[in-house]
């Protein structure tokens, strides 16, 4: 009992120091893997790139023997996308570098790499969510609008029935090509993914392959969708809008969005100042994500949301 009553507080009692430096957990980042950089654009190419889009011709008709062939030209559209500069820095002093019991630059650089991943994920998600097609699950079915604004407040979570409607919209109404291997892509917040998992129909999809190993953040393919779950709430809200039931999600096909990239984000160390007593470490990048098709008739992205 002498230790309890007589030992002084402070380092005499508590002098052990862990050698493990813990860091906050990183959220899932899913969006950037599906964004492709525009070829032929980079350094010394100006601050923007013009994207050319050629629309389809109407169907041809039968031609009589003596008639001249009908002619026409496909409509051509252009869209200009400008790059943005991104960056962040952490000030570091020589004093703390010399006194800390660990190399303080290592966790700082690791934190910057995490920040890059999260920032770029949100950049890509925000671009895809600019789609004019907004889908709202409701207790009476669903509401779809094409003006970029949600048409109702969702009062139920996402379910298999919604995947059928979204698939039919992308495939039938929008004529959007699948992303790869005949499948569209769905990226869902944790709450939206839980709505699918709790749907009794979901077990019918996973039953034949339930013994397969699961990819990181990957759900089983359902209704023509390759589904990915993300807990990054800056990209996809856990509760979207005024809804108390529905998580945010995005579904898209091929060439839904892309990147204009001059310089990938990179970590840099600043020049020492004040005789080397001050220094900065940070990252910079010059790029931007964009939505390829912004008109409702040609849209390739459906955004699950709510007022």
Protein backbone atom coordinates (compact mmCIF):
# COMPACT_ATOMS: atom_id res chain seq x y z
CA UNK A 1 0.00 0.00 0.00
CA UNK A 2 3.02 2.30 0.33
CA UNK A 3 2.99 2.83 -3.46
CA UNK A 4 -0.58 4.17 -3.31
CA UNK A 5 0.03 6.60 -0.45
CA UNK A 6 3.70 7.58 -0.79
CA UNK A 7 4.68 7.48 -4.47
CA UNK A 8 4.68 10.93 -6.11
CA UNK A 9 2.50 11.44 -9.14
CA UNK A 10 3.89 12.04 -12.64
CA UNK A 11 6.65 10.08 -14.35
CA UNK A 12 7.65 8.26 -11.16
CA UNK A 13 4.37 6.36 -11.29
CA UNK A 14 3.70 6.49 -15.05
CA UNK A 15 6.96 6.38 -16.95
CA UNK A 16 6.31 3.74 -19.61
CA UNK A 17 5.85 5.10 -23.15
CA UNK A 18 4.38 2.98 -25.94
CA UNK A 19 6.46 2.72 -29.10
CA UNK A 20 3.33 2.29 -31.24
CA UNK A 21 1.94 5.49 -32.71
CA UNK A 22 -1.79 5.11 -33.35
CA UNK A 23 -3.66 6.88 -36.14
CA UNK A 24 -7.35 7.46 -36.72
CA UNK A 25 -9.03 4.94 -39.01
CA UNK A 26 -9.40 5.84 -42.68
CA UNK A 27 -12.81 5.74 -44.32
CA UNK A 28 -13.41 3.68 -47.46
CA UNK A 29 -12.65 5.48 -50.71
CA UNK A 30 -14.36 4.04 -53.77
CA UNK A 31 -14.97 6.72 -56.41
CA UNK A 32 -11.55 7.49 -57.87
CA UNK A 33 -11.02 3.94 -59.14
CA UNK A 34 -13.85 4.51 -61.63
CA UNK A 35 -12.63 7.86 -62.97
CA UNK A 36 -10.39 7.94 -66.05
CA UNK A 37 -8.09 10.81 -66.97
CA UNK A 38 -8.60 12.52 -70.32
CA UNK A 39 -5.81 11.40 -72.69
CA UNK A 40 -3.66 14.01 -74.37
CA UNK A 41 -4.10 16.61 -71.64
CA UNK A 42 -1.47 17.53 -69.08
CA UNK A 43 1.24 20.07 -68.40
CA UNK A 44 1.61 23.01 -70.76
CA UNK A 45 -1.87 22.38 -72.21
CA UNK A 46 -3.68 25.33 -70.65
CA UNK A 47 -6.09 25.48 -67.73
CA UNK A 48 -8.99 23.67 -69.40
CA UNK A 49 -9.78 20.92 -71.86
CA UNK A 50 -12.64 20.83 -74.35
CA UNK A 51 -14.54 17.55 -74.50
CA UNK A 52 -16.27 16.72 -77.77
CA UNK A 53 -19.41 14.61 -77.75
CA UNK A 54 -21.01 13.22 -80.93
CA UNK A 55 -24.65 12.23 -80.66
CA UNK A 56 -26.34 9.39 -82.51
CA UNK A 57 -27.90 9.63 -85.95
CA UNK A 58 -31.62 8.90 -86.35
CA UNK A 59 -32.59 5.54 -87.80
CA UNK A 60 -32.29 5.13 -91.56
CA UNK A 61 -35.30 4.37 -93.77
CA UNK A 62 -35.97 2.37 -96.92
CA UNK A 63 -34.89 4.02 -100.16
CA UNK A 64 -36.53 3.60 -103.55
CA UNK A 65 -34.35 2.59 -106.45
CA UNK A 66 -34.41 5.98 -108.20
CA UNK A 67 -34.19 8.09 -105.04
CA UNK A 68 -31.06 9.66 -103.71
CA UNK A 69 -29.89 8.42 -100.34
CA UNK A 70 -31.01 10.60 -97.44
CA UNK A 71 -28.21 12.45 -95.72
CA UNK A 72 -27.56 14.19 -92.45
CA UNK A 73 -24.94 14.86 -89.85
CA UNK A 74 -24.76 13.81 -86.21
CA UNK A 75 -25.12 16.59 -83.67
CA UNK A 76 -21.82 17.61 -82.11
CA UNK A 77 -21.56 19.08 -78.63
CA UNK A 78 -18.60 20.38 -76.66
CA UNK A 79 -18.00 20.88 -72.97
CA UNK A 80 -15.13 22.72 -71.34
CA UNK A 81 -13.64 21.48 -68.06
CA UNK A 82 -11.11 23.51 -66.08
CA UNK A 83 -8.56 22.08 -63.67
CA UNK A 84 -8.24 23.13 -60.05
CA UNK A 85 -5.28 23.27 -57.72
CA UNK A 86 -5.56 21.35 -54.47
CA UNK A 87 -3.24 21.26 -51.50
CA UNK A 88 -2.61 21.29 -47.77
CA UNK A 89 0.44 21.69 -45.55
CA UNK A 90 1.56 20.98 -41.98
CA UNK A 91 4.07 23.28 -40.25
CA UNK A 92 6.90 21.48 -38.47
CA UNK A 93 9.61 22.93 -36.22
CA UNK A 94 13.11 21.63 -35.80
CA UNK A 95 12.54 21.84 -32.05
CA UNK A 96 9.78 19.22 -32.06
CA UNK A 97 11.63 17.02 -34.55
CA UNK A 98 14.67 16.94 -32.26
CA UNK A 99 12.71 16.31 -29.05
CA UNK A 100 9.97 13.88 -30.07
CA UNK A 101 10.66 10.24 -29.22
CA UNK A 102 9.57 9.22 -32.75
CA UNK A 103 10.16 10.54 -36.24
CA UNK A 104 7.31 13.02 -36.41
CA UNK A 105 7.54 13.31 -40.20
CA UNK A 106 6.42 9.71 -40.77
CA UNK A 107 2.90 9.99 -39.27
CA UNK A 108 2.51 13.46 -40.77
CA UNK A 109 3.20 12.14 -44.26
CA UNK A 110 0.90 9.17 -43.66
CA UNK A 111 -1.85 11.58 -42.58
CA UNK A 112 -1.32 13.63 -45.72
CA UNK A 113 -1.64 10.53 -47.90
CA UNK A 114 -4.92 9.70 -46.16
CA UNK A 115 -6.11 13.26 -46.68
CA UNK A 116 -5.31 13.05 -50.39
CA UNK A 117 -7.35 9.85 -50.76
CA UNK A 118 -10.35 11.27 -48.90
CA UNK A 119 -10.24 14.62 -50.70
CA UNK A 120 -9.99 13.08 -54.15
CA UNK A 121 -12.79 10.63 -53.32
CA UNK A 122 -15.09 13.52 -52.41
CA UNK A 123 -14.06 15.42 -55.54
CA UNK A 124 -15.09 12.50 -57.75
CA UNK A 125 -18.30 11.83 -55.81
CA UNK A 126 -19.37 15.49 -56.00
CA UNK A 127 -18.85 15.47 -59.77
CA UNK A 128 -21.04 12.38 -60.32
CA UNK A 129 -23.75 13.75 -58.01
CA UNK A 130 -24.20 16.70 -60.37
CA UNK A 131 -26.32 14.38 -62.52
CA UNK A 132 -29.82 15.72 -63.19
CA UNK A 133 -31.36 12.28 -62.48
CA UNK A 134 -32.43 12.14 -58.84
CA UNK A 135 -34.07 8.99 -57.44
CA UNK A 136 -35.98 9.02 -54.14
CA UNK A 137 -37.24 5.77 -52.52
CA UNK A 138 -40.69 6.27 -51.00
CA UNK A 139 -43.18 4.06 -49.20
CA UNK A 140 -45.46 4.21 -52.26
CA UNK A 141 -42.66 3.28 -54.68
CA UNK A 142 -40.22 5.95 -55.80
CA UNK A 143 -39.91 9.41 -57.30
CA UNK A 144 -37.52 10.19 -60.16
CA UNK A 145 -36.83 13.73 -61.33
CA UNK A 146 -34.69 14.96 -64.22
CA UNK A 147 -34.06 18.56 -63.19
CA UNK A 148 -31.27 17.97 -60.69
CA UNK A 149 -33.52 18.39 -57.62
CA UNK A 150 -34.99 15.64 -55.47
CA UNK A 151 -38.76 15.47 -55.84
CA UNK A 152 -39.73 14.09 -52.43
CA UNK A 153 -38.52 13.21 -48.94
CA UNK A 154 -37.58 9.56 -48.67
CA UNK A 155 -39.35 7.60 -45.94
CA UNK A 156 -37.75 4.19 -46.50
CA UNK A 157 -34.30 2.86 -47.23
CA UNK A 158 -33.00 1.43 -50.49
CA UNK A 159 -34.16 -2.05 -51.49
CA UNK A 160 -33.86 -4.57 -54.32
CA UNK A 161 -36.97 -3.12 -55.92
CA UNK A 162 -35.09 0.17 -56.33
CA UNK A 163 -32.19 -1.52 -58.09
CA UNK A 164 -34.65 -2.88 -60.63
CA UNK A 165 -36.08 0.58 -61.27
CA UNK A 166 -32.66 2.21 -61.50
CA UNK A 167 -31.41 -0.52 -63.85
CA UNK A 168 -34.43 -0.06 -66.10
CA UNK A 169 -33.87 3.70 -66.09
CA UNK A 170 -30.17 3.44 -66.99
CA UNK A 171 -30.59 0.63 -69.49
CA UNK A 172 -34.01 1.34 -70.93
CA UNK A 173 -34.61 5.08 -70.66
CA UNK A 174 -31.07 6.52 -70.76
CA UNK A 175 -29.58 3.81 -72.99
CA UNK A 176 -26.45 4.08 -70.86
CA UNK A 177 -23.80 1.43 -71.66
CA UNK A 178 -22.71 -0.74 -68.71
CA UNK A 179 -19.43 0.12 -67.05
CA UNK A 180 -17.74 -3.24 -67.59
CA UNK A 181 -18.66 -6.88 -68.19
CA UNK A 182 -22.28 -5.99 -68.75
CA UNK A 183 -22.68 -4.47 -65.29
CA UNK A 184 -23.37 -1.01 -63.97
CA UNK A 185 -21.63 0.35 -60.87
CA UNK A 186 -23.34 1.22 -57.60
CA UNK A 187 -21.54 2.95 -54.73
CA UNK A 188 -23.61 3.07 -51.55
CA UNK A 189 -23.31 4.61 -48.13
CA UNK A 190 -23.28 2.16 -45.24
CA UNK A 191 -26.93 2.91 -44.47
CA UNK A 192 -28.02 2.44 -48.09
CA UNK A 193 -26.07 -0.83 -48.26
CA UNK A 194 -27.77 -1.98 -45.07
CA UNK A 195 -31.13 -1.39 -46.72
CA UNK A 196 -30.16 -3.87 -49.44
CA UNK A 197 -28.71 -6.40 -47.01
CA UNK A 198 -31.87 -6.33 -44.90
CA UNK A 199 -34.11 -6.84 -47.91
CA UNK A 200 -35.38 -10.46 -47.84
CA UNK A 201 -34.74 -10.69 -51.60
CA UNK A 202 -31.04 -10.06 -51.09
CA UNK A 203 -30.50 -13.52 -49.58
CA UNK A 204 -31.73 -15.06 -52.82
CA UNK A 205 -28.90 -13.35 -54.66
CA UNK A 206 -26.11 -14.28 -52.25
CA UNK A 207 -27.24 -17.83 -51.40
CA UNK A 208 -25.57 -19.57 -54.38
CA UNK A 209 -22.21 -17.88 -53.75
CA UNK A 210 -22.24 -17.14 -50.03
CA UNK A 211 -19.02 -19.11 -49.47
CA UNK A 212 -16.94 -16.84 -51.74
CA UNK A 213 -14.53 -14.41 -50.09
CA UNK A 214 -15.75 -10.82 -50.03
CA UNK A 215 -13.70 -8.02 -51.58
CA UNK A 216 -13.06 -4.93 -49.49
CA UNK A 217 -16.28 -2.92 -49.46
CA UNK A 218 -17.87 -5.16 -52.10
CA UNK A 219 -21.41 -6.47 -51.98
CA UNK A 220 -22.71 -9.28 -54.14
CA UNK A 221 -23.68 -8.30 -57.67
CA UNK A 222 -27.43 -7.72 -57.84
CA UNK A 223 -29.75 -6.86 -60.75
CA UNK A 224 -26.92 -6.04 -63.14
CA UNK A 225 -24.96 -3.93 -60.67
CA UNK A 226 -21.49 -4.36 -59.20
CA UNK A 227 -22.06 -2.86 -55.75
CA UNK A 228 -19.53 -1.19 -53.46
CA UNK A 229 -20.05 0.11 -49.94
CA UNK A 230 -18.39 3.26 -48.62
CA UNK A 231 -18.44 4.71 -45.10
CA UNK A 232 -16.94 8.01 -46.26
CA UNK A 233 -19.75 10.33 -45.19
CA UNK A 234 -18.17 13.36 -46.87
CA UNK A 235 -18.75 11.61 -50.20
CA UNK A 236 -22.05 9.85 -49.44
CA UNK A 237 -24.23 11.00 -46.57
CA UNK A 238 -25.34 8.38 -44.07
CA UNK A 239 -28.71 10.15 -43.88
CA UNK A 240 -29.41 12.19 -46.98
CA UNK A 241 -31.43 15.43 -46.92
CA UNK A 242 -34.28 15.53 -44.42
CA UNK A 243 -34.77 11.76 -44.55
CA UNK A 244 -34.42 9.77 -41.35
CA UNK A 245 -34.29 6.41 -43.13
CA UNK A 246 -32.31 6.68 -46.36
CA UNK A 247 -28.61 6.62 -47.13
CA UNK A 248 -27.10 8.29 -50.19
CA UNK A 249 -25.98 6.26 -53.21
CA UNK A 250 -24.80 6.72 -56.80
CA UNK A 251 -25.31 4.36 -59.76
CA UNK A 252 -23.65 4.83 -63.15
CA UNK A 253 -22.54 3.27 -66.41
CA UNK A 254 -19.56 3.69 -68.71
CA UNK A 255 -18.01 7.12 -69.32
CA UNK A 256 -20.15 8.69 -66.60
CA UNK A 257 -17.38 11.00 -65.45
CA UNK A 258 -13.66 11.56 -65.76
CA UNK A 259 -10.62 13.56 -64.75
CA UNK A 260 -8.69 16.41 -66.28
CA UNK A 261 -5.25 16.05 -64.77
CA UNK A 262 -2.14 18.17 -65.03
CA UNK A 263 -0.34 16.89 -61.95
CA UNK A 264 -1.24 14.05 -59.61
CA UNK A 265 -1.29 14.95 -55.91
CA UNK A 266 2.19 14.54 -54.46
CA UNK A 267 3.75 15.07 -51.05
CA UNK A 268 6.46 17.71 -50.84
CA UNK A 269 8.76 19.07 -48.16
CA UNK A 270 9.11 22.84 -48.00
CA UNK A 271 12.38 24.76 -47.94
CA UNK A 272 13.70 25.21 -44.35
CA UNK A 273 13.30 28.74 -43.00
CA UNK A 274 14.73 30.72 -40.10
CA UNK A 275 18.06 28.89 -40.20
CA UNK A 276 16.29 25.57 -40.50
CA UNK A 277 14.10 25.92 -37.41
CA UNK A 278 10.84 25.98 -39.42
CA UNK A 279 9.74 23.70 -42.20
CA UNK A 280 6.53 22.57 -43.87
CA UNK A 281 5.42 19.29 -45.34
CA UNK A 282 2.33 19.05 -47.50
CA UNK A 283 0.85 18.05 -50.82
CA UNK A 284 -0.25 19.75 -54.01
CA UNK A 285 -2.08 18.55 -57.09
CA UNK A 286 -3.68 20.07 -60.18
CA UNK A 287 -6.70 18.14 -61.40
CA UNK A 288 -10.48 18.13 -61.46
CA UNK A 289 -13.28 15.59 -61.77
CA UNK A 290 -16.19 16.19 -64.11
CA UNK A 291 -19.57 14.78 -65.12
CA UNK A 292 -19.45 13.74 -68.76
CA UNK A 293 -23.16 13.93 -69.62
CA UNK A 294 -25.13 16.65 -67.86
CA UNK A 295 -28.38 16.58 -69.89
CA UNK A 296 -31.20 14.37 -68.61
CA UNK A 297 -31.76 12.55 -71.91
CA UNK A 298 -28.12 11.48 -72.11
CA UNK A 299 -27.34 11.13 -68.39
CA UNK A 300 -25.44 8.05 -67.25
CA UNK A 301 -25.64 8.59 -63.50
CA UNK A 302 -28.56 8.15 -61.09
CA UNK A 303 -28.23 9.81 -57.70
CA UNK A 304 -30.22 8.33 -54.80
CA UNK A 305 -31.09 11.26 -52.59
CA UNK A 306 -33.91 13.06 -50.74
CA UNK A 307 -35.17 16.57 -50.10
